[in-house]
Protein backbone atom coordinates (compact mmCIF):
# COMPACT_ATOMS: atom_id res chain seq x y z
CA MET A 1 -28.32 166.61 343.44
CA SER A 2 -26.57 169.74 343.45
CA ARG A 3 -22.65 170.04 343.93
CA LEU A 4 -23.22 171.05 347.12
CA MET A 5 -25.68 168.39 348.61
CA ARG A 6 -23.03 166.02 346.88
CA ARG A 7 -20.66 167.36 349.34
CA LEU A 8 -22.16 167.67 352.31
CA ALA A 9 -23.31 163.96 351.71
CA ALA A 10 -19.79 162.71 350.85
CA ILE A 11 -18.49 164.46 354.40
CA SER A 12 -21.37 162.75 356.20
CA ILE A 13 -20.45 159.39 354.99
CA VAL A 14 -16.53 159.67 355.91
CA ALA A 15 -17.54 161.20 359.79
CA VAL A 16 -19.52 157.88 359.90
CA LEU A 17 -16.67 155.72 358.98
CA ALA A 18 -14.65 157.55 361.35
CA ALA A 19 -17.10 157.05 364.16
CA VAL A 20 -17.37 153.39 363.40
CA ALA A 21 -13.77 153.06 363.08
CA ALA A 22 -12.83 154.57 366.39
CA GLY A 23 -15.22 152.45 368.10
CA CYS A 24 -13.62 149.55 366.96
CA GLY A 25 -10.49 150.70 368.58
CA GLY A 26 -8.52 151.90 364.88
CA GLY A 27 -7.02 154.68 367.07
CA SER A 28 -3.86 155.08 368.57
CA ASP A 29 -4.91 157.38 371.57
CA GLY A 30 -8.40 155.37 372.80
CA GLY A 31 -8.96 152.11 374.28
CA GLY A 32 -8.70 150.35 371.25
CA SER A 33 -7.43 146.75 370.78
CA THR A 34 -4.14 148.15 371.08
CA SER A 35 -4.04 149.75 374.17
CA THR A 36 -5.99 146.88 376.03
CA ALA A 37 -3.06 144.82 374.94
CA ALA A 38 -0.95 146.99 376.42
CA LYS A 39 -2.83 147.09 379.40
CA ASN A 40 -2.63 143.12 379.67
CA THR A 41 1.27 142.53 379.21
CA CYS A 42 1.67 142.00 382.83
CA ALA A 43 -1.39 139.96 383.27
CA LYS A 44 -0.43 136.20 384.46
CA ASP A 45 -1.13 134.23 381.22
CA GLN A 46 0.84 137.16 379.24
CA LEU A 47 4.13 136.87 381.42
CA ASN A 48 7.39 135.44 379.84
CA LEU A 49 7.74 132.66 381.66
CA VAL A 50 9.79 129.26 381.80
CA THR A 51 7.22 127.20 382.82
CA PRO A 52 3.80 128.71 381.94
CA GLY A 53 1.45 129.16 384.91
CA LYS A 54 4.35 129.09 387.70
CA LEU A 55 7.01 131.59 388.70
CA THR A 56 10.71 130.30 388.99
CA ILE A 57 12.91 131.75 391.54
CA ALA A 58 16.66 131.16 391.81
CA THR A 59 18.54 131.44 395.05
CA GLY A 60 21.85 130.49 396.57
CA ASN A 61 22.31 126.70 398.20
CA PRO A 62 22.88 127.16 401.13
CA SER A 63 20.33 130.07 401.99
CA TYR A 64 20.94 131.90 404.79
CA PRO A 65 19.33 134.42 407.16
CA PRO A 66 18.26 137.10 407.56
CA TRP A 67 17.51 136.50 403.64
CA TYR A 68 16.05 133.38 404.41
CA GLU A 69 14.79 131.70 407.80
CA GLY A 70 12.44 129.12 409.29
CA GLY A 71 15.15 126.23 408.93
CA GLU A 72 15.00 123.10 406.26
CA SER A 73 11.84 121.50 404.96
CA LEU A 74 11.71 117.73 404.55
CA GLY A 75 12.20 116.90 400.95
CA SER A 76 13.53 120.19 400.06
CA PRO A 77 17.21 120.57 398.48
CA PHE A 78 17.98 123.67 400.14
CA LYS A 79 20.32 123.69 403.17
CA VAL A 80 20.23 125.53 406.27
CA ASP A 81 16.82 127.22 405.23
CA ASP A 82 14.15 126.62 402.84
CA PRO A 83 13.21 129.50 400.67
CA ALA A 84 9.54 128.08 400.03
CA ASN A 85 8.41 128.97 403.79
CA GLY A 86 8.44 132.44 403.17
CA GLN A 87 10.65 133.39 405.88
CA GLY A 88 13.40 135.95 406.11
CA TYR A 89 13.66 139.27 403.85
CA GLU A 90 14.23 138.07 400.45
CA SER A 91 11.59 135.08 400.75
CA ALA A 92 8.65 137.51 401.88
CA VAL A 93 9.94 139.96 399.00
CA ALA A 94 9.63 137.32 396.84
CA TYR A 95 5.96 136.06 397.87
CA ALA A 96 4.92 139.61 398.08
CA ILE A 97 6.09 140.42 394.30
CA ALA A 98 4.56 136.73 393.11
CA ASN A 99 0.89 138.02 394.71
CA LYS A 100 1.07 141.16 392.59
CA LEU A 101 2.04 139.21 389.64
CA GLY A 102 -1.17 136.92 390.33
CA PHE A 103 0.42 133.93 391.41
CA SER A 104 -0.38 131.91 394.61
CA GLU A 105 2.09 130.67 397.03
CA ASP A 106 1.80 126.92 395.40
CA GLN A 107 2.55 128.25 392.19
CA VAL A 108 6.23 129.62 393.10
CA GLU A 109 8.98 127.16 392.69
CA TRP A 110 12.36 127.88 394.11
CA LEU A 111 15.44 126.51 392.50
CA PRO A 112 19.07 126.06 393.85
CA VAL A 113 21.86 128.13 391.40
CA ALA A 114 25.09 129.17 392.12
CA PHE A 115 25.64 132.83 392.61
CA ASN A 116 27.92 133.36 389.65
CA LEU A 117 25.56 131.54 386.97
CA THR A 118 22.49 134.38 388.29
CA PHE A 119 24.36 137.27 386.21
CA LYS A 120 25.60 134.93 383.48
CA PRO A 121 24.67 135.82 380.06
CA GLY A 122 22.72 133.46 378.03
CA PRO A 123 19.58 131.32 378.59
CA LYS A 124 17.98 130.84 381.85
CA ASN A 125 15.98 128.11 383.62
CA PHE A 126 14.77 130.48 386.13
CA ASP A 127 12.57 133.28 385.57
CA PHE A 128 14.32 135.62 388.06
CA ALA A 129 17.61 135.07 390.53
CA MET A 130 17.20 136.59 393.93
CA GLN A 131 20.25 136.22 395.55
CA GLN A 132 21.72 139.44 397.25
CA ILE A 133 23.09 140.28 393.44
CA SER A 134 24.14 144.11 393.29
CA TYR A 135 23.68 145.79 390.62
CA ASN A 136 26.50 147.13 388.25
CA LYS A 137 27.03 147.73 384.92
CA GLN A 138 29.11 144.95 384.14
CA ARG A 139 26.61 142.33 384.89
CA ALA A 140 23.85 144.42 383.67
CA GLN A 141 25.53 143.87 380.27
CA ALA A 142 24.61 139.82 380.60
CA VAL A 143 21.50 140.25 382.40
CA ASP A 144 18.36 142.41 382.97
CA PHE A 145 18.42 143.79 386.54
CA SER A 146 14.94 144.84 388.47
CA ASP A 147 14.88 148.22 390.40
CA SER A 148 16.27 147.75 393.84
CA TYR A 149 14.17 146.22 396.65
CA TYR A 150 17.17 146.43 399.30
CA ASP A 151 19.65 149.37 399.46
CA VAL A 152 22.75 148.07 401.04
CA ASN A 153 26.02 148.69 402.80
CA GLN A 154 29.13 146.37 402.97
CA ALA A 155 30.24 145.38 406.45
CA LEU A 156 33.10 144.15 408.07
CA VAL A 157 33.21 140.80 410.21
CA ALA A 158 36.44 139.99 412.49
CA LEU A 159 37.30 137.43 415.06
CA GLU A 160 37.18 138.95 418.46
CA ASP A 161 40.67 138.69 419.52
CA LYS A 162 41.93 140.10 416.10
CA PRO A 163 43.35 143.60 416.16
CA ILE A 164 40.81 144.77 413.36
CA ALA A 165 37.93 144.07 415.64
CA ASN A 166 38.24 147.60 417.26
CA ALA A 167 38.68 149.55 414.13
CA THR A 168 36.83 152.68 413.57
CA SER A 169 38.27 154.00 410.31
CA ILE A 170 39.40 152.41 407.17
CA ALA A 171 42.68 153.48 407.56
CA ASP A 172 42.92 151.07 410.74
CA LEU A 173 42.39 148.57 407.93
CA LYS A 174 45.21 148.93 405.54
CA SER A 175 47.41 146.17 406.91
CA ALA A 176 44.60 143.74 407.14
CA LYS A 177 44.60 140.67 405.42
CA LEU A 178 40.89 140.69 404.02
CA GLY A 179 38.83 138.47 402.19
CA ALA A 180 35.50 138.41 400.08
CA VAL A 181 33.53 135.93 397.99
CA VAL A 182 34.76 136.13 394.18
CA GLY A 183 32.72 138.35 391.94
CA THR A 184 31.12 140.26 394.39
CA THR A 185 30.64 143.74 395.18
CA SER A 186 32.35 143.31 398.47
CA TYR A 187 35.55 142.25 396.85
CA GLN A 188 35.44 145.29 394.51
CA TYR A 189 34.69 147.51 397.47
CA ILE A 190 38.01 146.43 399.19
CA ILE A 191 39.96 147.04 395.98
CA ASP A 192 38.44 150.24 395.30
CA ASN A 193 37.83 152.08 398.92
CA ILE A 194 40.02 150.26 401.81
CA GLU A 195 42.76 149.76 399.16
CA PRO A 196 44.84 147.45 401.97
CA GLU A 197 48.43 146.89 401.37
CA ASP A 198 48.54 143.42 401.19
CA GLN A 199 46.10 141.96 397.90
CA PRO A 200 43.01 140.37 399.55
CA LEU A 201 41.69 136.91 399.27
CA VAL A 202 39.01 135.57 397.30
CA PHE A 203 36.81 132.94 397.99
CA ASP A 204 34.34 130.62 395.69
CA THR A 205 31.70 130.31 398.45
CA LEU A 206 30.41 132.56 401.84
CA ASP A 207 31.04 129.07 403.42
CA ALA A 208 34.76 129.13 402.40
CA ASN A 209 35.35 132.77 403.34
CA VAL A 210 33.88 132.09 406.80
CA ALA A 211 36.16 129.14 407.06
CA ALA A 212 39.25 131.03 406.10
CA LEU A 213 37.85 133.62 409.04
CA LYS A 214 37.99 130.95 411.62
CA ASN A 215 41.27 129.23 410.70
CA GLY A 216 42.91 132.61 410.95
CA GLN A 217 43.50 132.64 407.18
CA ILE A 218 42.32 136.13 406.94
CA ASP A 219 41.85 138.93 409.63
CA GLY A 220 38.20 139.97 408.51
CA LEU A 221 35.84 139.42 406.04
CA VAL A 222 33.80 141.88 403.82
CA THR A 223 30.39 141.34 402.94
CA ASP A 224 26.52 142.95 402.89
CA PHE A 225 25.60 144.08 406.12
CA PRO A 226 22.65 141.78 406.92
CA THR A 227 25.16 138.94 406.13
CA ALA A 228 27.54 140.35 408.36
CA TYR A 229 24.75 140.16 410.95
CA TYR A 230 24.14 136.70 410.53
CA ILE A 231 27.72 135.63 410.48
CA ALA A 232 28.59 137.46 413.49
CA ASN A 233 25.81 136.82 415.61
CA VAL A 234 24.74 133.41 414.91
CA GLN A 235 26.71 131.71 412.53
CA LEU A 236 30.17 132.18 414.58
CA SER A 237 30.70 132.50 418.41
CA ASN A 238 33.82 134.53 418.72
CA ALA A 239 33.27 137.21 416.03
CA LYS A 240 32.06 140.63 415.95
CA LEU A 241 30.59 142.69 413.42
CA VAL A 242 32.89 145.57 413.27
CA GLY A 243 30.85 147.91 411.47
CA ARG A 244 29.14 149.29 408.36
CA PHE A 245 31.51 150.89 405.51
CA PRO A 246 29.90 153.87 403.98
CA THR A 247 28.44 154.38 400.62
CA ALA A 248 31.03 155.02 398.00
CA GLY A 249 30.04 156.53 394.82
CA SER A 250 26.43 155.75 393.63
CA GLN A 251 23.92 153.64 396.35
CA GLU A 252 24.61 150.09 395.77
CA TYR A 253 21.60 147.99 395.54
CA PHE A 254 20.21 144.42 395.18
CA GLY A 255 18.20 143.53 392.11
CA LEU A 256 16.74 140.61 390.81
CA THR A 257 18.30 139.13 387.77
CA PHE A 258 16.49 138.37 384.18
CA GLU A 259 17.39 136.64 381.06
CA LYS A 260 18.02 139.53 378.71
CA GLY A 261 15.39 141.02 377.01
CA ASN A 262 12.67 139.05 379.15
CA SER A 263 9.60 141.48 379.18
CA LEU A 264 8.93 139.89 382.58
CA ALA A 265 11.21 142.60 384.39
CA GLY A 266 9.11 145.56 383.64
CA CYS A 267 6.30 143.61 385.20
CA VAL A 268 8.53 143.12 388.10
CA ASN A 269 9.40 146.65 388.50
CA LYS A 270 5.83 147.58 388.50
CA ALA A 271 5.00 145.07 391.67
CA ILE A 272 8.27 146.58 393.36
CA ALA A 273 7.00 150.21 392.63
CA THR A 274 3.57 148.87 394.44
CA LEU A 275 5.52 147.30 397.14
CA LYS A 276 7.48 150.38 397.84
CA ALA A 277 4.62 153.05 397.53
CA ASN A 278 2.53 151.03 399.93
CA GLY A 279 4.94 150.53 402.75
CA THR A 280 5.44 146.41 402.61
CA LEU A 281 9.01 146.69 401.67
CA ASP A 282 9.73 148.83 404.76
CA GLU A 283 7.73 146.81 407.15
CA LEU A 284 9.82 143.78 405.80
CA GLU A 285 12.90 144.97 406.07
CA GLN A 286 11.94 146.40 409.65
CA LYS A 287 10.99 142.68 410.23
CA TRP A 288 13.69 141.00 409.14
CA ILE A 289 16.51 142.72 408.90
CA THR A 290 16.62 146.55 410.93
CA SER A 291 15.32 145.18 414.04
CA LYS A 292 17.80 142.47 414.30
CA ALA A 293 20.84 144.61 413.82
CA HIS A 294 22.74 147.52 414.37
CA ALA A 295 26.25 148.51 413.38
CA PRO A 296 28.30 151.46 413.84
CA LEU A 297 29.56 153.25 410.83
CA ILE A 298 33.33 152.90 409.90
CA LYS A 299 34.77 156.15 409.33
CA LYS A 300 36.64 157.33 405.69
C-alpha cells in the first residue's frame, strides 16, 4: 500500500471514530448525556427536596388574607386560614408553582414557621418559605431568594379617630408614633423614608402590632399593602387604610426563600417565569388582591 493510500485510510478511520463518539454524546454541543442531564435537572425526581416526592412549603401561623383564605381546617395546625386549601394569593401561587414542578396537590405539605426563621442562615426543614418575605441584600446573604412573585408597596393603617387617619403626605406623619414588625422592610421603610421624630416601636408579631394599634400604644402601623387592607377592612372595625407609600429606591418585592445553594431555586424561577408569561400571576393578583383593595398614594 502506498504512503498516500495509508494516509487516506487513517483519515477515514479517524472520521468514523469521531462520528461514533458524537453519536454517543461525547460532544459538549449536542444532545448527548451531558445535555440530557442538564435538561432534566428540574425533573421532579431530580429536585433537591427535604422529603423526596413531596414539596414542603413554610409559612406563618396564623396565616392571613389576602395571602391565605378559606378559614381553618379540622386537624390543621394553622389558625385563621389553612394554606392547604389553595385559597388566597400566596396559597394559589404556591400550588401553581408546585404544578409546574410536577407535584399534585396531595404532594404539597405546609409547615408552620416563624417569620424570622424563613431567612435565618443554616439548614432548613422546608424546601422554600412563602410568607411575604421582601428581598434585601442582607437576607440574601443567609438564604437564596427566588425572583419576584409579587411587587409590593408599604401602606399605613390608623384608627379612624386618630389625626393621622387623614394624612396625605409623609410630612403629615413626622410627629406620629408608628409601629412595625421586627426585622421587616416595613420597619426599615419607617426609618429610611418617613423618619418620624419618635423612634418607631417594633413588635415580634403582626398580632402584637395590631394590638398596640387598638390600645393606643401607637398611632399607626406600617405593613405591606394587602396586609394593611386586611387589617383595616376585616380585622378591625374602627381602622382605616390611610394609603400606600411611594416606592423608595428599587422596587420592593416578595420572593421565596431557600437554603443557601439549593438548586431548587433555579427550577422555581423557571416556574415563576412561566406563570408571569402566561398571565397566571396577573390573574391571581387580580382575583385575590387588586379587586378587593384600593387606597390613595401618600405623597412624598
